Amino acid sequence: MQMSPGLVGMFVLVAVLIWVVASFNKLVVQRTRVQNAWAEIDVQLKRRHDLIPNLVEAVRGYMEHERVTLESVTQARAQALAAGKNVRQRSDAEAALTAALGKFFAVAENYPQLRAVESVQLLQEQLTSTENRIAYARQFYNDEVMDYNAARSTFPRNLFAGLLGFSPSAMFTAADADRANVQVKA
């Protein structure tokens, strides 16, 4: 029994169509996972942003001579809030905030009376816990972005991914300021 060329062509066309639909659905699922992972980062960053004003207010009286340090934390927070949803801009702004908080905590070590204030200790613990959550969420997000970008970039999906609106996603990276040691000069 021999199949007609038209029937073979139809089977090939149906197979290709099924593959395109399956590939499209896979990319949609992966893009949704990236969006979900970003939402988790956003939740943790909002938590950090909400804790910072309380911490600044709690230490303001003790660190009167460190106004510049307090203002840099407040300004970095404002820039992080204003960065919006662009991952690269947000990543840079959050890195600047992390650096400002690192300097703040290093300077705060020079004030032993702060360590005795329970509200400051609690806020520092909450911020440390939040930083750990942010690090985990960032790793999860970057893993999802890597999977999504790899799926949309591999052949033959890369031939139609861009045409169907699947653009690459950006990683949430640590800036060089995050990697550098905090330098405190007395």
N, C-alpha and C. Protein backbone atom coordinates (compact mmCIF):
# COMPACT_ATOMS: atom_id res chain seq x y z
N MET A 1 0.85 -1.18 0.00
CA MET A 1 0.00 0.00 0.00
C MET A 1 0.89 1.24 0.00
N GLN A 2 0.67 2.07 -0.95
CA GLN A 2 1.48 3.26 -1.12
C GLN A 2 0.62 4.48 -0.81
N MET A 3 1.23 5.44 -0.03
CA MET A 3 0.50 6.67 0.31
C MET A 3 0.72 7.69 -0.79
N SER A 4 -0.31 8.44 -1.07
CA SER A 4 -0.19 9.47 -2.10
C SER A 4 0.66 10.63 -1.57
N PRO A 5 1.36 11.32 -2.46
CA PRO A 5 2.19 12.45 -2.04
C PRO A 5 1.37 13.54 -1.32
N GLY A 6 0.14 13.70 -1.74
CA GLY A 6 -0.72 14.69 -1.08
C GLY A 6 -1.00 14.32 0.37
N LEU A 7 -1.22 13.05 0.63
CA LEU A 7 -1.48 12.57 1.99
C LEU A 7 -0.24 12.70 2.86
N VAL A 8 0.92 12.39 2.31
CA VAL A 8 2.19 12.54 3.05
C VAL A 8 2.41 14.01 3.37
N GLY A 9 2.17 14.87 2.41
CA GLY A 9 2.32 16.31 2.63
C GLY A 9 1.39 16.81 3.71
N MET A 10 0.16 16.29 3.72
CA MET A 10 -0.79 16.70 4.74
C MET A 10 -0.32 16.25 6.13
N PHE A 11 0.20 15.02 6.23
CA PHE A 11 0.71 14.53 7.52
C PHE A 11 1.88 15.39 8.00
N VAL A 12 2.76 15.75 7.09
CA VAL A 12 3.90 16.59 7.44
C VAL A 12 3.41 17.96 7.90
N LEU A 13 2.45 18.53 7.18
CA LEU A 13 1.90 19.83 7.54
C LEU A 13 1.24 19.78 8.91
N VAL A 14 0.47 18.74 9.17
CA VAL A 14 -0.19 18.59 10.47
C VAL A 14 0.85 18.43 11.57
N ALA A 15 1.90 17.64 11.33
CA ALA A 15 2.96 17.46 12.33
C ALA A 15 3.66 18.78 12.64
N VAL A 16 3.96 19.55 11.59
CA VAL A 16 4.61 20.86 11.79
C VAL A 16 3.67 21.79 12.54
N LEU A 17 2.41 21.80 12.21
CA LEU A 17 1.43 22.64 12.90
C LEU A 17 1.33 22.26 14.37
N ILE A 18 1.28 20.98 14.66
CA ILE A 18 1.23 20.53 16.06
C ILE A 18 2.49 20.98 16.80
N TRP A 19 3.64 20.85 16.15
CA TRP A 19 4.89 21.28 16.78
C TRP A 19 4.89 22.78 17.04
N VAL A 20 4.41 23.59 16.09
CA VAL A 20 4.36 25.05 16.27
C VAL A 20 3.45 25.40 17.43
N VAL A 21 2.28 24.77 17.49
CA VAL A 21 1.34 25.06 18.59
C VAL A 21 1.95 24.65 19.93
N ALA A 22 2.58 23.48 19.99
CA ALA A 22 3.22 23.03 21.23
C ALA A 22 4.36 23.97 21.63
N SER A 23 5.14 24.40 20.67
CA SER A 23 6.24 25.33 20.95
C SER A 23 5.71 26.67 21.44
N PHE A 24 4.68 27.16 20.79
CA PHE A 24 4.06 28.42 21.20
C PHE A 24 3.57 28.32 22.64
N ASN A 25 2.86 27.23 22.93
CA ASN A 25 2.34 27.05 24.29
C ASN A 25 3.47 26.96 25.32
N LYS A 26 4.55 26.28 24.96
CA LYS A 26 5.70 26.18 25.88
C LYS A 26 6.27 27.57 26.16
N LEU A 27 6.41 28.39 25.12
CA LEU A 27 6.95 29.74 25.32
C LEU A 27 6.01 30.60 26.15
N VAL A 28 4.71 30.44 25.96
CA VAL A 28 3.73 31.19 26.77
C VAL A 28 3.87 30.80 28.24
N VAL A 29 3.96 29.50 28.51
CA VAL A 29 4.11 29.03 29.89
C VAL A 29 5.40 29.56 30.50
N GLN A 30 6.49 29.50 29.76
CA GLN A 30 7.76 29.97 30.30
C GLN A 30 7.77 31.48 30.51
N ARG A 31 7.16 32.24 29.61
CA ARG A 31 7.07 33.69 29.80
C ARG A 31 6.23 34.01 31.03
N THR A 32 5.17 33.25 31.25
CA THR A 32 4.33 33.45 32.43
C THR A 32 5.10 33.13 33.71
N ARG A 33 5.93 32.11 33.67
CA ARG A 33 6.76 31.77 34.83
C ARG A 33 7.75 32.90 35.13
N VAL A 34 8.30 33.51 34.10
CA VAL A 34 9.21 34.64 34.29
C VAL A 34 8.45 35.80 34.94
N GLN A 35 7.26 36.08 34.45
CA GLN A 35 6.45 37.17 35.01
C GLN A 35 6.10 36.89 36.48
N ASN A 36 5.78 35.65 36.78
CA ASN A 36 5.47 35.27 38.15
C ASN A 36 6.70 35.42 39.05
N ALA A 37 7.86 35.01 38.56
CA ALA A 37 9.09 35.14 39.34
C ALA A 37 9.42 36.61 39.58
N TRP A 38 9.17 37.45 38.57
CA TRP A 38 9.40 38.89 38.76
C TRP A 38 8.45 39.45 39.81
N ALA A 39 7.22 39.00 39.80
CA ALA A 39 6.25 39.47 40.80
C ALA A 39 6.73 39.13 42.21
N GLU A 40 7.36 37.98 42.39
CA GLU A 40 7.88 37.61 43.71
C GLU A 40 9.02 38.54 44.12
N ILE A 41 9.89 38.87 43.20
CA ILE A 41 10.95 39.85 43.50
C ILE A 41 10.32 41.17 43.90
N ASP A 42 9.33 41.60 43.14
CA ASP A 42 8.67 42.87 43.40
C ASP A 42 8.06 42.91 44.80
N VAL A 43 7.45 41.82 45.23
CA VAL A 43 6.88 41.74 46.58
C VAL A 43 7.96 41.93 47.63
N GLN A 44 9.08 41.25 47.46
CA GLN A 44 10.16 41.35 48.45
C GLN A 44 10.81 42.73 48.44
N LEU A 45 10.95 43.32 47.26
CA LEU A 45 11.51 44.67 47.19
C LEU A 45 10.58 45.67 47.84
N LYS A 46 9.28 45.51 47.66
CA LYS A 46 8.32 46.41 48.32
C LYS A 46 8.43 46.27 49.83
N ARG A 47 8.58 45.05 50.30
CA ARG A 47 8.75 44.83 51.74
C ARG A 47 9.99 45.59 52.24
N ARG A 48 11.08 45.49 51.50
CA ARG A 48 12.30 46.22 51.90
C ARG A 48 12.06 47.72 51.87
N HIS A 49 11.41 48.20 50.82
CA HIS A 49 11.14 49.64 50.72
C HIS A 49 10.28 50.12 51.89
N ASP A 50 9.36 49.29 52.34
CA ASP A 50 8.49 49.68 53.46
C ASP A 50 9.24 49.68 54.79
N LEU A 51 10.26 48.85 54.94
CA LEU A 51 11.01 48.78 56.19
C LEU A 51 12.00 49.94 56.34
N ILE A 52 12.52 50.44 55.26
CA ILE A 52 13.59 51.43 55.31
C ILE A 52 13.19 52.72 56.02
N PRO A 53 12.04 53.33 55.72
CA PRO A 53 11.70 54.57 56.45
C PRO A 53 11.61 54.36 57.96
N ASN A 54 11.10 53.21 58.38
CA ASN A 54 11.02 52.93 59.81
C ASN A 54 12.42 52.84 60.43
N LEU A 55 13.34 52.21 59.73
CA LEU A 55 14.70 52.09 60.23
C LEU A 55 15.37 53.45 60.30
N VAL A 56 15.22 54.25 59.26
CA VAL A 56 15.82 55.59 59.26
C VAL A 56 15.28 56.42 60.41
N GLU A 57 13.98 56.37 60.63
CA GLU A 57 13.39 57.12 61.74
C GLU A 57 13.88 56.60 63.09
N ALA A 58 14.03 55.29 63.23
CA ALA A 58 14.45 54.70 64.50
C ALA A 58 15.87 55.11 64.87
N VAL A 59 16.72 55.35 63.90
CA VAL A 59 18.13 55.66 64.21
C VAL A 59 18.45 57.14 64.06
N ARG A 60 17.54 57.93 63.55
CA ARG A 60 17.82 59.34 63.26
C ARG A 60 18.38 60.08 64.48
N GLY A 61 17.81 59.91 65.63
CA GLY A 61 18.27 60.60 66.83
C GLY A 61 19.66 60.17 67.28
N TYR A 62 19.99 58.91 67.06
CA TYR A 62 21.29 58.39 67.49
C TYR A 62 22.40 58.76 66.50
N MET A 63 22.05 58.89 65.25
CA MET A 63 23.05 59.12 64.21
C MET A 63 22.94 60.54 63.64
N GLU A 64 22.79 61.51 64.51
CA GLU A 64 22.60 62.90 64.08
C GLU A 64 23.75 63.38 63.19
N HIS A 65 24.97 62.93 63.47
CA HIS A 65 26.12 63.39 62.71
C HIS A 65 26.27 62.62 61.39
N GLU A 66 25.42 61.68 61.15
CA GLU A 66 25.50 60.86 59.94
C GLU A 66 24.36 61.18 58.98
N ARG A 67 23.98 62.44 58.92
CA ARG A 67 22.86 62.85 58.09
C ARG A 67 23.06 62.46 56.62
N VAL A 68 24.27 62.56 56.12
CA VAL A 68 24.56 62.23 54.73
C VAL A 68 24.26 60.75 54.47
N THR A 69 24.64 59.89 55.42
CA THR A 69 24.38 58.46 55.28
C THR A 69 22.88 58.19 55.25
N LEU A 70 22.15 58.80 56.15
CA LEU A 70 20.70 58.61 56.20
C LEU A 70 20.04 59.13 54.92
N GLU A 71 20.51 60.28 54.44
CA GLU A 71 19.94 60.85 53.22
C GLU A 71 20.25 59.98 52.00
N SER A 72 21.43 59.37 51.98
CA SER A 72 21.77 58.52 50.83
C SER A 72 20.88 57.29 50.79
N VAL A 73 20.53 56.74 51.95
CA VAL A 73 19.61 55.60 52.00
C VAL A 73 18.22 56.03 51.53
N THR A 74 17.77 57.16 52.02
CA THR A 74 16.45 57.67 51.64
C THR A 74 16.39 57.98 50.14
N GLN A 75 17.45 58.60 49.62
CA GLN A 75 17.49 58.92 48.20
C GLN A 75 17.55 57.65 47.34
N ALA A 76 18.35 56.69 47.76
CA ALA A 76 18.44 55.43 47.00
C ALA A 76 17.10 54.72 47.00
N ARG A 77 16.38 54.76 48.11
CA ARG A 77 15.05 54.15 48.18
C ARG A 77 14.11 54.84 47.20
N ALA A 78 14.14 56.17 47.18
CA ALA A 78 13.27 56.92 46.26
C ALA A 78 13.59 56.58 44.81
N GLN A 79 14.86 56.44 44.47
CA GLN A 79 15.23 56.09 43.10
C GLN A 79 14.78 54.67 42.76
N ALA A 80 14.87 53.77 43.73
CA ALA A 80 14.42 52.39 43.49
C ALA A 80 12.91 52.35 43.25
N LEU A 81 12.18 53.14 44.03
CA LEU A 81 10.73 53.19 43.84
C LEU A 81 10.37 53.80 42.49
N ALA A 82 11.17 54.76 42.03
CA ALA A 82 10.87 55.44 40.77
C ALA A 82 11.34 54.65 39.54
N ALA A 83 12.11 53.60 39.74
CA ALA A 83 12.70 52.86 38.62
C ALA A 83 11.65 52.16 37.75
N GLY A 84 10.50 51.87 38.30
CA GLY A 84 9.44 51.26 37.50
C GLY A 84 9.65 49.79 37.27
N LYS A 85 9.12 49.30 36.14
CA LYS A 85 9.11 47.86 35.87
C LYS A 85 10.22 47.41 34.94
N ASN A 86 11.01 48.33 34.43
CA ASN A 86 12.12 47.94 33.56
C ASN A 86 13.15 47.20 34.41
N VAL A 87 13.42 45.95 34.06
CA VAL A 87 14.26 45.09 34.90
C VAL A 87 15.67 45.65 35.03
N ARG A 88 16.25 46.12 33.94
CA ARG A 88 17.62 46.63 34.01
C ARG A 88 17.71 47.88 34.89
N GLN A 89 16.79 48.82 34.71
CA GLN A 89 16.80 50.04 35.52
C GLN A 89 16.52 49.71 36.98
N ARG A 90 15.58 48.82 37.20
CA ARG A 90 15.23 48.44 38.56
C ARG A 90 16.40 47.72 39.23
N SER A 91 17.07 46.87 38.48
CA SER A 91 18.22 46.15 39.00
C SER A 91 19.32 47.12 39.44
N ASP A 92 19.61 48.12 38.61
CA ASP A 92 20.62 49.11 38.96
C ASP A 92 20.21 49.93 40.18
N ALA A 93 18.95 50.35 40.22
CA ALA A 93 18.47 51.16 41.35
C ALA A 93 18.49 50.35 42.65
N GLU A 94 18.10 49.08 42.57
CA GLU A 94 18.10 48.24 43.76
C GLU A 94 19.53 47.95 44.22
N ALA A 95 20.46 47.84 43.28
CA ALA A 95 21.86 47.64 43.64
C ALA A 95 22.39 48.86 44.39
N ALA A 96 22.00 50.04 43.93
CA ALA A 96 22.41 51.27 44.62
C ALA A 96 21.82 51.32 46.02
N LEU A 97 20.58 50.89 46.17
CA LEU A 97 19.94 50.85 47.48
C LEU A 97 20.65 49.85 48.39
N THR A 98 20.98 48.70 47.86
CA THR A 98 21.71 47.69 48.64
C THR A 98 23.05 48.24 49.11
N ALA A 99 23.75 48.94 48.23
CA ALA A 99 25.03 49.54 48.60
C ALA A 99 24.85 50.59 49.69
N ALA A 100 23.82 51.43 49.55
CA ALA A 100 23.56 52.46 50.56
C ALA A 100 23.21 51.84 51.91
N LEU A 101 22.43 50.76 51.89
CA LEU A 101 22.10 50.07 53.14
C LEU A 101 23.34 49.44 53.76
N GLY A 102 24.22 48.88 52.92
CA GLY A 102 25.46 48.30 53.43
C GLY A 102 26.32 49.34 54.13
N LYS A 103 26.44 50.51 53.53
CA LYS A 103 27.20 51.60 54.16
C LYS A 103 26.52 52.06 55.44
N PHE A 104 25.19 52.13 55.39
CA PHE A 104 24.44 52.53 56.57
C PHE A 104 24.71 51.59 57.74
N PHE A 105 24.63 50.28 57.50
CA PHE A 105 24.86 49.30 58.56
C PHE A 105 26.30 49.34 59.05
N ALA A 106 27.23 49.59 58.15
CA ALA A 106 28.64 49.68 58.56
C ALA A 106 28.85 50.89 59.46
N VAL A 107 28.24 52.02 59.12
CA VAL A 107 28.35 53.22 59.95
C VAL A 107 27.61 53.02 61.27
N ALA A 108 26.48 52.34 61.23
CA ALA A 108 25.69 52.10 62.45
C ALA A 108 26.46 51.29 63.48
N GLU A 109 27.42 50.49 63.02
CA GLU A 109 28.25 49.71 63.95
C GLU A 109 29.05 50.63 64.88
N ASN A 110 29.28 51.86 64.48
CA ASN A 110 30.02 52.81 65.31
C ASN A 110 29.18 53.39 66.44
N TYR A 111 27.92 53.00 66.52
CA TYR A 111 27.01 53.53 67.55
C TYR A 111 26.52 52.37 68.42
N PRO A 112 27.26 52.05 69.48
CA PRO A 112 26.89 50.90 70.31
C PRO A 112 25.51 51.04 70.95
N GLN A 113 25.07 52.27 71.20
CA GLN A 113 23.76 52.46 71.80
C GLN A 113 22.63 51.99 70.88
N LEU A 114 22.90 51.96 69.57
CA LEU A 114 21.89 51.47 68.62
C LEU A 114 21.63 49.98 68.80
N ARG A 115 22.68 49.25 69.12
CA ARG A 115 22.53 47.80 69.30
C ARG A 115 21.63 47.46 70.47
N ALA A 116 21.49 48.41 71.40
CA ALA A 116 20.66 48.17 72.57
C ALA A 116 19.19 48.52 72.32
N VAL A 117 18.89 49.20 71.23
CA VAL A 117 17.51 49.61 70.94
C VAL A 117 16.80 48.44 70.26
N GLU A 118 15.76 47.94 70.93
CA GLU A 118 15.06 46.75 70.43
C GLU A 118 14.41 46.96 69.07
N SER A 119 13.83 48.12 68.85
CA SER A 119 13.17 48.36 67.56
C SER A 119 14.18 48.37 66.41
N VAL A 120 15.37 48.90 66.65
CA VAL A 120 16.40 48.91 65.62
C VAL A 120 16.87 47.49 65.34
N GLN A 121 17.06 46.71 66.38
CA GLN A 121 17.46 45.31 66.20
C GLN A 121 16.42 44.55 65.39
N LEU A 122 15.15 44.74 65.75
CA LEU A 122 14.07 44.06 65.04
C LEU A 122 14.04 44.47 63.57
N LEU A 123 14.17 45.76 63.29
CA LEU A 123 14.17 46.23 61.91
C LEU A 123 15.38 45.68 61.14
N GLN A 124 16.54 45.62 61.78
CA GLN A 124 17.71 45.06 61.12
C GLN A 124 17.51 43.58 60.80
N GLU A 125 16.92 42.85 61.72
CA GLU A 125 16.64 41.43 61.48
C GLU A 125 15.65 41.25 60.34
N GLN A 126 14.60 42.10 60.32
CA GLN A 126 13.62 42.01 59.24
C GLN A 126 14.25 42.35 57.90
N LEU A 127 15.11 43.36 57.87
CA LEU A 127 15.79 43.71 56.62
C LEU A 127 16.73 42.60 56.17
N THR A 128 17.43 41.99 57.11
CA THR A 128 18.32 40.88 56.76
C THR A 128 17.52 39.72 56.20
N SER A 129 16.41 39.40 56.83
CA SER A 129 15.54 38.34 56.34
C SER A 129 15.00 38.67 54.95
N THR A 130 14.63 39.91 54.75
CA THR A 130 14.11 40.35 53.45
C THR A 130 15.20 40.28 52.39
N GLU A 131 16.42 40.66 52.74
CA GLU A 131 17.53 40.58 51.79
C GLU A 131 17.75 39.13 51.36
N ASN A 132 17.63 38.20 52.30
CA ASN A 132 17.76 36.78 51.96
C ASN A 132 16.64 36.34 51.02
N ARG A 133 15.44 36.82 51.27
CA ARG A 133 14.31 36.49 50.39
C ARG A 133 14.50 37.07 49.00
N ILE A 134 15.04 38.29 48.95
CA ILE A 134 15.30 38.92 47.66
C ILE A 134 16.34 38.11 46.88
N ALA A 135 17.38 37.67 47.58
CA ALA A 135 18.42 36.88 46.92
C ALA A 135 17.84 35.58 46.36
N TYR A 136 17.00 34.94 47.13
CA TYR A 136 16.38 33.69 46.65
C TYR A 136 15.45 33.98 45.46
N ALA A 137 14.64 35.02 45.58
CA ALA A 137 13.70 35.36 44.50
C ALA A 137 14.46 35.76 43.24
N ARG A 138 15.57 36.48 43.40
CA ARG A 138 16.37 36.88 42.25
C ARG A 138 16.95 35.64 41.56
N GLN A 139 17.44 34.68 42.35
CA GLN A 139 17.99 33.46 41.75
C GLN A 139 16.91 32.69 41.01
N PHE A 140 15.72 32.57 41.61
CA PHE A 140 14.61 31.88 40.97
C PHE A 140 14.21 32.58 39.68
N TYR A 141 14.11 33.90 39.73
CA TYR A 141 13.76 34.68 38.54
C TYR A 141 14.80 34.46 37.45
N ASN A 142 16.08 34.58 37.79
CA ASN A 142 17.13 34.42 36.78
C ASN A 142 17.13 33.01 36.18
N ASP A 143 16.81 32.00 37.00
CA ASP A 143 16.69 30.64 36.46
C ASP A 143 15.55 30.55 35.44
N GLU A 144 14.43 31.17 35.77
CA GLU A 144 13.29 31.16 34.85
C GLU A 144 13.61 31.93 33.57
N VAL A 145 14.29 33.05 33.70
CA VAL A 145 14.68 33.84 32.53
C VAL A 145 15.63 33.03 31.65
N MET A 146 16.58 32.35 32.29
CA MET A 146 17.52 31.54 31.52
C MET A 146 16.80 30.44 30.73
N ASP A 147 15.86 29.76 31.38
CA ASP A 147 15.10 28.72 30.68
C ASP A 147 14.28 29.29 29.53
N TYR A 148 13.61 30.40 29.79
CA TYR A 148 12.77 31.05 28.76
C TYR A 148 13.63 31.52 27.58
N ASN A 149 14.71 32.24 27.89
CA ASN A 149 15.57 32.76 26.82
C ASN A 149 16.20 31.63 26.01
N ALA A 150 16.57 30.56 26.68
CA ALA A 150 17.14 29.41 25.96
C ALA A 150 16.08 28.78 25.05
N ALA A 151 14.86 28.65 25.55
CA ALA A 151 13.79 28.05 24.75
C ALA A 151 13.47 28.90 23.53
N ARG A 152 13.45 30.21 23.68
CA ARG A 152 13.10 31.07 22.54
C ARG A 152 14.26 31.26 21.59
N SER A 153 15.46 30.93 22.01
CA SER A 153 16.64 31.14 21.17
C SER A 153 17.11 29.91 20.42
N THR A 154 16.59 28.75 20.78
CA THR A 154 17.05 27.53 20.15
C THR A 154 16.34 27.31 18.81
N PHE A 155 17.07 26.69 17.92
CA PHE A 155 16.54 26.39 16.59
C PHE A 155 15.58 25.21 16.69
N PRO A 156 14.50 25.23 16.05
CA PRO A 156 13.96 26.18 15.09
C PRO A 156 12.97 27.18 15.71
N ARG A 157 12.77 27.14 17.04
CA ARG A 157 11.85 28.10 17.67
C ARG A 157 12.26 29.53 17.41
N ASN A 158 13.58 29.77 17.35
CA ASN A 158 14.05 31.14 17.16
C ASN A 158 13.58 31.74 15.83
N LEU A 159 13.16 30.89 14.90
CA LEU A 159 12.68 31.39 13.60
C LEU A 159 11.34 32.11 13.73
N PHE A 160 10.52 31.74 14.69
CA PHE A 160 9.21 32.38 14.80
C PHE A 160 8.95 33.03 16.16
N ALA A 161 9.81 32.85 17.14
CA ALA A 161 9.56 33.39 18.48
C ALA A 161 9.42 34.92 18.46
N GLY A 162 10.33 35.58 17.79
CA GLY A 162 10.26 37.04 17.72
C GLY A 162 9.04 37.53 16.97
N LEU A 163 8.69 36.82 15.92
CA LEU A 163 7.51 37.21 15.13
C LEU A 163 6.22 37.09 15.94
N LEU A 164 6.20 36.16 16.90
CA LEU A 164 5.01 35.95 17.71
C LEU A 164 5.04 36.75 19.02
N GLY A 165 6.00 37.66 19.15
CA GLY A 165 6.02 38.55 20.30
C GLY A 165 6.78 38.03 21.51
N PHE A 166 7.63 37.04 21.33
CA PHE A 166 8.41 36.51 22.44
C PHE A 166 9.79 37.15 22.43
N SER A 167 9.91 38.28 23.12
CA SER A 167 11.20 38.96 23.18
C SER A 167 11.99 38.43 24.36
N PRO A 168 13.31 38.59 24.31
CA PRO A 168 14.13 38.07 25.42
C PRO A 168 13.85 38.83 26.71
N SER A 169 14.02 38.15 27.82
CA SER A 169 13.87 38.78 29.13
C SER A 169 15.25 39.08 29.70
N ALA A 170 15.31 40.13 30.51
CA ALA A 170 16.58 40.55 31.13
C ALA A 170 16.75 39.88 32.48
N MET A 171 17.98 39.56 32.79
CA MET A 171 18.32 39.01 34.11
C MET A 171 18.28 40.15 35.14
N PHE A 172 18.01 39.79 36.38
CA PHE A 172 18.08 40.73 37.50
C PHE A 172 19.45 40.52 38.12
N THR A 173 20.41 41.35 37.73
CA THR A 173 21.79 41.11 38.09
C THR A 173 22.25 42.02 39.21
N ALA A 174 23.30 41.57 39.87
CA ALA A 174 23.94 42.39 40.89
C ALA A 174 24.92 43.32 40.19
N ALA A 175 24.89 44.57 40.57
CA ALA A 175 25.84 45.52 39.99
C ALA A 175 27.19 45.35 40.68
N ASP A 176 28.20 45.97 40.11
CA ASP A 176 29.53 45.88 40.70
C ASP A 176 29.55 46.38 42.13
N ALA A 177 28.68 47.34 42.45
CA ALA A 177 28.62 47.86 43.82
C ALA A 177 28.19 46.77 44.80
N ASP A 178 27.35 45.84 44.36
CA ASP A 178 26.93 44.73 45.23
C ASP A 178 28.07 43.78 45.52
N ARG A 179 28.99 43.67 44.59
CA ARG A 179 30.09 42.70 44.73
C ARG A 179 31.26 43.26 45.52
N ALA A 180 31.35 44.57 45.62
CA ALA A 180 32.49 45.19 46.29
C ALA A 180 32.30 45.19 47.80
N ASN A 181 33.41 45.14 48.52
CA ASN A 181 33.34 45.23 49.97
C ASN A 181 33.05 46.66 50.36
N VAL A 182 32.28 46.84 51.43
CA VAL A 182 31.98 48.18 51.91
C VAL A 182 33.22 48.72 52.61
N GLN A 183 33.62 49.92 52.24
CA GLN A 183 34.78 50.56 52.83
C GLN A 183 34.30 51.63 53.80
N VAL A 184 34.68 51.49 55.06
CA VAL A 184 34.32 52.47 56.08
C VAL A 184 35.60 53.12 56.56
N LYS A 185 35.63 54.45 56.50
CA LYS A 185 36.81 55.20 56.93
C LYS A 185 36.45 55.98 58.16
N ALA A 186 37.27 55.87 59.16
CA ALA A 186 37.01 56.57 60.41
C ALA A 186 37.52 57.98 60.36
